[in-house]
Amino acid sequence: MVKIRLRRQGAKNNPMYRVVVADAKAPRDGGFLEIIGHYNPRTQPPVVEIDKERTMHWLGVGAQPTEAARALLRRVGIMEAFVAQQDGKTVEPAAAEAAPATPEPAAAETAAPAEDSE
């Protein structure tokens, strides 16, 4: 079985983690198949960067995230997107939700032809 989990990096008392895809039988800091992101809990706010495309691929082929990895995937919105994809729904980016659905009235005014006062 393939797992998505955290691999500890960094110095003593200064942890940083890589989010990796690894065989479930491999040791925590042992071999892995692919690095898909990283997590630094020591910064304010904590830095979480995960490659959404590769994570969605691995989840799609059956990789199971550990509890800690699942929490990080929820924080960046990947688990929600994956569940929606499995249900056949599309998830729009947050920026698209804030955009107005109708065209702006100023754009309609500029499209009208100008009247000549001759």
C-alpha atoms as a PDB file:
ATOM      1  CA  MET A   1       0.000   0.000   0.000  1.00  0.00           C
ATOM      2  CA  VAL A   2       1.210   3.516  -0.796  1.00  0.00           C
ATOM      3  CA  LYS A   3       0.960   6.295   1.814  1.00  0.00           C
ATOM      4  CA  ILE A   4       1.202  10.077   1.669  1.00  0.00           C
ATOM      5  CA  ARG A   5       3.066  11.066   4.817  1.00  0.00           C
ATOM      6  CA  LEU A   6       5.525  13.451   6.433  1.00  0.00           C
ATOM      7  CA  ARG A   7       9.279  12.826   6.351  1.00  0.00           C
ATOM      8  CA  ARG A   8      11.229  14.700   9.018  1.00  0.00           C
ATOM      9  CA  GLN A   9      14.088  16.963   7.948  1.00  0.00           C
ATOM     10  CA  GLY A  10      16.009  19.696   9.732  1.00  0.00           C
ATOM     11  CA  ALA A  11      18.253  19.919  12.747  1.00  0.00           C
ATOM     12  CA  LYS A  12      17.678  18.880  16.330  1.00  0.00           C
ATOM     13  CA  ASN A  13      14.761  20.878  17.813  1.00  0.00           C
ATOM     14  CA  ASN A  14      14.211  22.564  14.434  1.00  0.00           C
ATOM     15  CA  PRO A  15      11.943  20.241  12.443  1.00  0.00           C
ATOM     16  CA  MET A  16      10.898  20.691   8.838  1.00  0.00           C
ATOM     17  CA  TYR A  17       8.914  18.088   6.978  1.00  0.00           C
ATOM     18  CA  ARG A  18       8.691  16.920   3.399  1.00  0.00           C
ATOM     19  CA  VAL A  19       5.355  15.589   2.229  1.00  0.00           C
ATOM     20  CA  VAL A  20       6.249  12.370   0.426  1.00  0.00           C
ATOM     21  CA  VAL A  21       4.614   9.399  -1.235  1.00  0.00           C
ATOM     22  CA  ALA A  22       6.145   6.217   0.184  1.00  0.00           C
ATOM     23  CA  ASP A  23       5.485   2.518   0.586  1.00  0.00           C
ATOM     24  CA  ALA A  24       3.669   1.867   3.854  1.00  0.00           C
ATOM     25  CA  LYS A  25       6.388  -0.580   4.958  1.00  0.00           C
ATOM     26  CA  ALA A  26       9.244   1.905   4.449  1.00  0.00           C
ATOM     27  CA  PRO A  27      10.653   3.628   7.568  1.00  0.00           C
ATOM     28  CA  ARG A  28       9.535   7.209   8.362  1.00  0.00           C
ATOM     29  CA  ASP A  29      12.734   8.773   7.034  1.00  0.00           C
ATOM     30  CA  GLY A  30      13.525   5.943   4.606  1.00  0.00           C
ATOM     31  CA  GLY A  31      12.946   5.525   0.899  1.00  0.00           C
ATOM     32  CA  PHE A  32      10.091   7.242  -0.883  1.00  0.00           C
ATOM     33  CA  LEU A  33       8.580   7.374  -4.353  1.00  0.00           C
ATOM     34  CA  GLU A  34       8.123  11.131  -4.788  1.00  0.00           C
ATOM     35  CA  ILE A  35       8.343  14.415  -2.877  1.00  0.00           C
ATOM     36  CA  ILE A  36       5.074  16.299  -3.360  1.00  0.00           C
ATOM     37  CA  GLY A  37       5.556  19.197  -0.958  1.00  0.00           C
ATOM     38  CA  HIS A  38       6.988  20.541   2.273  1.00  0.00           C
ATOM     39  CA  TYR A  39       5.809  21.856   5.642  1.00  0.00           C
ATOM     40  CA  ASN A  40       7.667  24.156   8.028  1.00  0.00           C
ATOM     41  CA  PRO A  41       5.841  24.492  11.369  1.00  0.00           C
ATOM     42  CA  ARG A  42       8.532  26.775  12.860  1.00  0.00           C
ATOM     43  CA  THR A  43       7.633  29.874  10.831  1.00  0.00           C
ATOM     44  CA  GLN A  44       4.786  32.258  11.618  1.00  0.00           C
ATOM     45  CA  PRO A  45       2.448  31.442   9.950  1.00  0.00           C
ATOM     46  CA  PRO A  46       3.521  27.845   9.216  1.00  0.00           C
ATOM     47  CA  VAL A  47       4.488  27.288   5.573  1.00  0.00           C
ATOM     48  CA  VAL A  48       2.642  24.524   3.713  1.00  0.00           C
ATOM     49  CA  GLU A  49       3.414  24.034   0.021  1.00  0.00           C
ATOM     50  CA  ILE A  50       2.020  20.963  -1.727  1.00  0.00           C
ATOM     51  CA  ASP A  51       1.873  20.207  -5.472  1.00  0.00           C
ATOM     52  CA  LYS A  52      -1.867  19.844  -6.048  1.00  0.00           C
ATOM     53  CA  GLU A  53      -1.591  18.105  -9.432  1.00  0.00           C
ATOM     54  CA  ARG A  54       0.747  15.353  -8.209  1.00  0.00           C
ATOM     55  CA  THR A  55      -1.193  14.891  -4.962  1.00  0.00           C
ATOM     56  CA  MET A  56      -4.456  14.506  -6.876  1.00  0.00           C
ATOM     57  CA  HIS A  57      -2.724  11.914  -9.096  1.00  0.00           C
ATOM     58  CA  TRP A  58      -1.505   9.871  -6.123  1.00  0.00           C
ATOM     59  CA  LEU A  59      -4.855  10.075  -4.335  1.00  0.00           C
ATOM     60  CA  GLY A  60      -6.513   8.979  -7.583  1.00  0.00           C
ATOM     61  CA  VAL A  61      -4.390   5.846  -7.837  1.00  0.00           C
ATOM     62  CA  GLY A  62      -5.144   4.868  -4.238  1.00  0.00           C
ATOM     63  CA  ALA A  63      -2.506   6.447  -1.994  1.00  0.00           C
ATOM     64  CA  GLN A  64      -3.785   6.853   1.576  1.00  0.00           C
ATOM     65  CA  PRO A  65      -2.726   9.964   3.533  1.00  0.00           C
ATOM     66  CA  THR A  66      -1.730   9.586   7.188  1.00  0.00           C
ATOM     67  CA  GLU A  67      -3.613  11.633   9.781  1.00  0.00           C
ATOM     68  CA  ALA A  68      -0.985  14.406   9.810  1.00  0.00           C
ATOM     69  CA  ALA A  69      -0.762  14.507   6.011  1.00  0.00           C
ATOM     70  CA  ARG A  70      -4.564  14.516   5.724  1.00  0.00           C
ATOM     71  CA  ALA A  71      -4.717  17.551   8.051  1.00  0.00           C
ATOM     72  CA  LEU A  72      -2.227  19.425   5.836  1.00  0.00           C
ATOM     73  CA  LEU A  73      -4.112  18.452   2.669  1.00  0.00           C
ATOM     74  CA  ARG A  74      -7.328  19.777   4.224  1.00  0.00           C
ATOM     75  CA  ARG A  75      -5.583  23.026   5.193  1.00  0.00           C
ATOM     76  CA  VAL A  76      -4.579  23.737   1.580  1.00  0.00           C
ATOM     77  CA  GLY A  77      -7.910  22.507   0.162  1.00  0.00           C
ATOM     78  CA  ILE A  78      -6.681  19.443  -1.710  1.00  0.00           C
ATOM     79  CA  MET A  79      -8.832  16.896   0.155  1.00  0.00           C
ATOM     80  CA  GLU A  80     -11.972  18.924  -0.547  1.00  0.00           C
ATOM     81  CA  ALA A  81     -11.065  19.146  -4.237  1.00  0.00           C
ATOM     82  CA  PHE A  82     -10.354  15.406  -4.392  1.00  0.00           C
ATOM     83  CA  VAL A  83     -13.656  14.469  -2.750  1.00  0.00           C
ATOM     84  CA  ALA A  84     -15.517  16.825  -5.099  1.00  0.00           C
ATOM     85  CA  GLN A  85     -13.715  15.300  -8.089  1.00  0.00           C
ATOM     86  CA  GLN A  86     -14.715  11.816  -6.941  1.00  0.00           C
ATOM     87  CA  ASP A  87     -18.342  12.972  -6.652  1.00  0.00           C
ATOM     88  CA  GLY A  88     -18.206  14.365 -10.199  1.00  0.00           C
ATOM     89  CA  LYS A  89     -18.363  18.009  -9.141  1.00  0.00           C
ATOM     90  CA  THR A  90     -15.935  20.724 -10.118  1.00  0.00           C
ATOM     91  CA  VAL A  91     -14.398  22.980  -7.499  1.00  0.00           C
ATOM     92  CA  GLU A  92     -13.825  26.557  -8.595  1.00  0.00           C
ATOM     93  CA  PRO A  93     -10.899  28.549  -7.220  1.00  0.00           C
ATOM     94  CA  ALA A  94     -11.679  31.028  -4.442  1.00  0.00           C
ATOM     95  CA  ALA A  95     -10.797  33.977  -6.724  1.00  0.00           C
ATOM     96  CA  ALA A  96     -13.512  32.973  -9.179  1.00  0.00           C
ATOM     97  CA  GLU A  97     -16.153  33.083  -6.434  1.00  0.00           C
ATOM     98  CA  ALA A  98     -15.338  36.715  -5.661  1.00  0.00           C
ATOM     99  CA  ALA A  99     -15.639  37.819  -9.302  1.00  0.00           C
ATOM    100  CA  PRO A 100     -19.037  39.211 -10.362  1.00  0.00           C
ATOM    101  CA  ALA A 101     -21.131  36.966 -12.582  1.00  0.00           C
ATOM    102  CA  THR A 102     -22.571  39.815 -14.690  1.00  0.00           C
ATOM    103  CA  PRO A 103     -20.552  42.198 -16.849  1.00  0.00           C
ATOM    104  CA  GLU A 104     -19.808  45.587 -15.382  1.00  0.00           C
ATOM    105  CA  PRO A 105     -22.137  48.440 -16.511  1.00  0.00           C
ATOM    106  CA  ALA A 106     -19.127  50.606 -17.437  1.00  0.00           C
ATOM    107  CA  ALA A 107     -18.126  48.071 -20.090  1.00  0.00           C
ATOM    108  CA  ALA A 108     -21.626  48.236 -21.627  1.00  0.00           C
ATOM    109  CA  GLU A 109     -21.496  52.044 -21.813  1.00  0.00           C
ATOM    110  CA  THR A 110     -18.201  52.062 -23.684  1.00  0.00           C
ATOM    111  CA  ALA A 111     -19.550  49.575 -26.213  1.00  0.00           C
ATOM    112  CA  ALA A 112     -22.413  51.932 -27.252  1.00  0.00           C
ATOM    113  CA  PRO A 113     -21.662  54.105 -30.303  1.00  0.00           C
ATOM    114  CA  ALA A 114     -20.948  57.752 -29.628  1.00  0.00           C
ATOM    115  CA  GLU A 115     -23.560  60.265 -30.854  1.00  0.00           C
ATOM    116  CA  ASP A 116     -22.460  63.049 -33.162  1.00  0.00           C
ATOM    117  CA  SER A 117     -23.875  66.484 -32.303  1.00  0.00           C
ATOM    118  CA  GLU A 118     -23.738  67.896 -35.818  1.00  0.00           C
END
